[in-house]
């Protein structure tokens, strides 16, 4: 994954203002492909702020790993991502991706 070159930050701040990027993403998301997938699913059709809120709620409640989330109770996931103001459809989509990832890990 490409990371923003720190030398570009002053240029972007000069052009767009000091706080041009609306939210800081959790750092572990960029080093773990599964966490990156989860935050990508959470980001669909919502603001970045709500996306990060939902991810932080999920990460506070669960270890964000395929085997943990695939076996988690859907209502507990629902409660964990509630801060992000998500619909039932999004929760089901997240669960679908979790199950697919878990199955891909268990295939030998």
C-alpha atoms as a PDB file:
ATOM      1  CA  UNK A   1       0.000   0.000   0.000  1.00  0.00           C
ATOM      2  CA  UNK A   2       1.269   3.437  -0.843  1.00  0.00           C
ATOM      3  CA  UNK A   3       1.761   5.891   1.982  1.00  0.00           C
ATOM      4  CA  UNK A   4       1.587   9.655   1.698  1.00  0.00           C
ATOM      5  CA  UNK A   5       5.054  11.160   1.369  1.00  0.00           C
ATOM      6  CA  UNK A   6       5.542  13.425   4.414  1.00  0.00           C
ATOM      7  CA  UNK A   7       7.149  16.049   2.159  1.00  0.00           C
ATOM      8  CA  UNK A   8       3.761  16.555   0.491  1.00  0.00           C
ATOM      9  CA  UNK A   9       1.942  17.476   3.712  1.00  0.00           C
ATOM     10  CA  UNK A  10       3.114  21.135   3.758  1.00  0.00           C
ATOM     11  CA  UNK A  11       2.158  21.495   0.085  1.00  0.00           C
ATOM     12  CA  UNK A  12      -1.323  20.084   0.700  1.00  0.00           C
ATOM     13  CA  UNK A  13      -1.778  22.185   3.837  1.00  0.00           C
ATOM     14  CA  UNK A  14      -0.812  25.313   1.933  1.00  0.00           C
ATOM     15  CA  UNK A  15      -3.281  24.556  -0.843  1.00  0.00           C
ATOM     16  CA  UNK A  16      -6.206  23.101   1.157  1.00  0.00           C
ATOM     17  CA  UNK A  17      -5.667  24.294   4.713  1.00  0.00           C
ATOM     18  CA  UNK A  18      -4.065  22.766   7.771  1.00  0.00           C
ATOM     19  CA  UNK A  19      -6.703  20.097   8.318  1.00  0.00           C
ATOM     20  CA  UNK A  20      -7.283  18.990   4.729  1.00  0.00           C
ATOM     21  CA  UNK A  21      -7.548  15.312   5.710  1.00  0.00           C
ATOM     22  CA  UNK A  22     -10.733  14.933   7.746  1.00  0.00           C
ATOM     23  CA  UNK A  23      -9.753  12.056  10.013  1.00  0.00           C
ATOM     24  CA  UNK A  24      -6.773  10.019  11.195  1.00  0.00           C
ATOM     25  CA  UNK A  25      -7.044   6.314  10.399  1.00  0.00           C
ATOM     26  CA  UNK A  26      -5.836   3.764  12.964  1.00  0.00           C
ATOM     27  CA  UNK A  27      -2.243   2.881  12.097  1.00  0.00           C
ATOM     28  CA  UNK A  28      -2.706  -0.905  12.343  1.00  0.00           C
ATOM     29  CA  UNK A  29      -5.142  -0.792   9.414  1.00  0.00           C
ATOM     30  CA  UNK A  30      -2.343  -0.149   6.930  1.00  0.00           C
ATOM     31  CA  UNK A  31      -0.126  -3.023   8.052  1.00  0.00           C
ATOM     32  CA  UNK A  32      -2.772  -5.750   8.168  1.00  0.00           C
ATOM     33  CA  UNK A  33      -4.632  -6.722   4.956  1.00  0.00           C
ATOM     34  CA  UNK A  34      -7.660  -8.097   6.839  1.00  0.00           C
ATOM     35  CA  UNK A  35      -8.059  -4.926   8.905  1.00  0.00           C
ATOM     36  CA  UNK A  36      -7.682  -2.926   5.707  1.00  0.00           C
ATOM     37  CA  UNK A  37     -10.486  -4.984   4.149  1.00  0.00           C
ATOM     38  CA  UNK A  38     -12.723  -4.433   7.172  1.00  0.00           C
ATOM     39  CA  UNK A  39     -12.230  -0.660   7.173  1.00  0.00           C
ATOM     40  CA  UNK A  40     -12.833  -0.641   3.416  1.00  0.00           C
ATOM     41  CA  UNK A  41     -16.180  -2.395   3.891  1.00  0.00           C
ATOM     42  CA  UNK A  42     -17.049   0.018   6.697  1.00  0.00           C
ATOM     43  CA  UNK A  43     -16.154   3.000   4.502  1.00  0.00           C
ATOM     44  CA  UNK A  44     -18.708   2.246   1.796  1.00  0.00           C
ATOM     45  CA  UNK A  45     -21.320   4.989   1.434  1.00  0.00           C
ATOM     46  CA  UNK A  46     -20.473   6.807   4.657  1.00  0.00           C
ATOM     47  CA  UNK A  47     -18.233   9.583   5.892  1.00  0.00           C
ATOM     48  CA  UNK A  48     -14.678   8.835   6.885  1.00  0.00           C
ATOM     49  CA  UNK A  49     -15.427  10.000  10.401  1.00  0.00           C
ATOM     50  CA  UNK A  50     -18.223   7.427  10.793  1.00  0.00           C
ATOM     51  CA  UNK A  51     -16.058   4.763   9.182  1.00  0.00           C
ATOM     52  CA  UNK A  52     -13.251   5.310  11.699  1.00  0.00           C
ATOM     53  CA  UNK A  53     -15.724   5.496  14.609  1.00  0.00           C
ATOM     54  CA  UNK A  54     -17.194   2.148  13.600  1.00  0.00           C
ATOM     55  CA  UNK A  55     -13.761   0.545  13.182  1.00  0.00           C
ATOM     56  CA  UNK A  56     -12.594   1.848  16.553  1.00  0.00           C
ATOM     57  CA  UNK A  57     -15.740   0.442  18.164  1.00  0.00           C
ATOM     58  CA  UNK A  58     -15.136  -2.908  16.512  1.00  0.00           C
ATOM     59  CA  UNK A  59     -11.462  -2.954  17.506  1.00  0.00           C
ATOM     60  CA  UNK A  60     -12.308  -2.007  21.092  1.00  0.00           C
ATOM     61  CA  UNK A  61     -14.676  -4.958  21.397  1.00  0.00           C
ATOM     62  CA  UNK A  62     -12.959  -7.601  19.265  1.00  0.00           C
ATOM     63  CA  UNK A  63      -9.528  -8.620  18.111  1.00  0.00           C
ATOM     64  CA  UNK A  64      -9.957  -7.739  14.414  1.00  0.00           C
ATOM     65  CA  UNK A  65      -8.948 -11.096  12.982  1.00  0.00           C
ATOM     66  CA  UNK A  66     -10.906 -13.330  10.600  1.00  0.00           C
ATOM     67  CA  UNK A  67     -11.240 -16.222  13.059  1.00  0.00           C
ATOM     68  CA  UNK A  68     -12.535 -13.923  15.807  1.00  0.00           C
ATOM     69  CA  UNK A  69     -15.019 -11.962  13.720  1.00  0.00           C
ATOM     70  CA  UNK A  70     -16.245 -14.979  11.761  1.00  0.00           C
ATOM     71  CA  UNK A  71     -17.312 -16.586  15.040  1.00  0.00           C
ATOM     72  CA  UNK A  72     -18.609 -13.411  16.711  1.00  0.00           C
ATOM     73  CA  UNK A  73     -22.278 -12.919  17.427  1.00  0.00           C
ATOM     74  CA  UNK A  74     -23.824 -10.636  14.794  1.00  0.00           C
ATOM     75  CA  UNK A  75     -25.625  -8.598  17.451  1.00  0.00           C
ATOM     76  CA  UNK A  76     -22.318  -7.948  19.230  1.00  0.00           C
ATOM     77  CA  UNK A  77     -20.813  -6.762  15.939  1.00  0.00           C
ATOM     78  CA  UNK A  78     -23.880  -4.573  15.426  1.00  0.00           C
ATOM     79  CA  UNK A  79     -23.393  -2.987  18.833  1.00  0.00           C
ATOM     80  CA  UNK A  80     -19.658  -2.532  18.289  1.00  0.00           C
ATOM     81  CA  UNK A  81     -20.095  -0.577  15.036  1.00  0.00           C
ATOM     82  CA  UNK A  82     -23.151   1.379  16.179  1.00  0.00           C
ATOM     83  CA  UNK A  83     -21.134   4.616  16.613  1.00  0.00           C
ATOM     84  CA  UNK A  84     -20.648   4.618  12.862  1.00  0.00           C
ATOM     85  CA  UNK A  85     -24.431   4.722  12.328  1.00  0.00           C
ATOM     86  CA  UNK A  86     -24.576   1.632  10.128  1.00  0.00           C
ATOM     87  CA  UNK A  87     -27.555  -0.084   8.597  1.00  0.00           C
ATOM     88  CA  UNK A  88     -28.436  -3.756   8.797  1.00  0.00           C
ATOM     89  CA  UNK A  89     -27.294  -4.162   5.198  1.00  0.00           C
ATOM     90  CA  UNK A  90     -23.788  -2.946   6.028  1.00  0.00           C
ATOM     91  CA  UNK A  91     -23.541  -5.239   9.039  1.00  0.00           C
ATOM     92  CA  UNK A  92     -24.578  -8.214   6.922  1.00  0.00           C
ATOM     93  CA  UNK A  93     -22.076  -7.233   4.237  1.00  0.00           C
ATOM     94  CA  UNK A  94     -19.326  -7.060   6.827  1.00  0.00           C
ATOM     95  CA  UNK A  95     -20.285 -10.467   8.144  1.00  0.00           C
ATOM     96  CA  UNK A  96     -20.219 -11.891   4.597  1.00  0.00           C
ATOM     97  CA  UNK A  97     -16.669 -10.641   4.033  1.00  0.00           C
ATOM     98  CA  UNK A  98     -15.593 -11.991   7.409  1.00  0.00           C
ATOM     99  CA  UNK A  99     -16.923 -15.428   6.574  1.00  0.00           C
ATOM    100  CA  UNK A 100     -15.266 -15.450   3.163  1.00  0.00           C
ATOM    101  CA  UNK A 101     -11.930 -14.460   4.675  1.00  0.00           C
ATOM    102  CA  UNK A 102     -12.208 -17.086   7.373  1.00  0.00           C
ATOM    103  CA  UNK A 103     -13.029 -19.790   4.802  1.00  0.00           C
ATOM    104  CA  UNK A 104     -10.048 -18.776   2.674  1.00  0.00           C
ATOM    105  CA  UNK A 105      -7.779 -19.128   5.712  1.00  0.00           C
ATOM    106  CA  UNK A 106      -9.029 -22.612   6.557  1.00  0.00           C
ATOM    107  CA  UNK A 107      -8.754 -24.081   3.045  1.00  0.00           C
ATOM    108  CA  UNK A 108      -5.630 -26.239   2.722  1.00  0.00           C
END
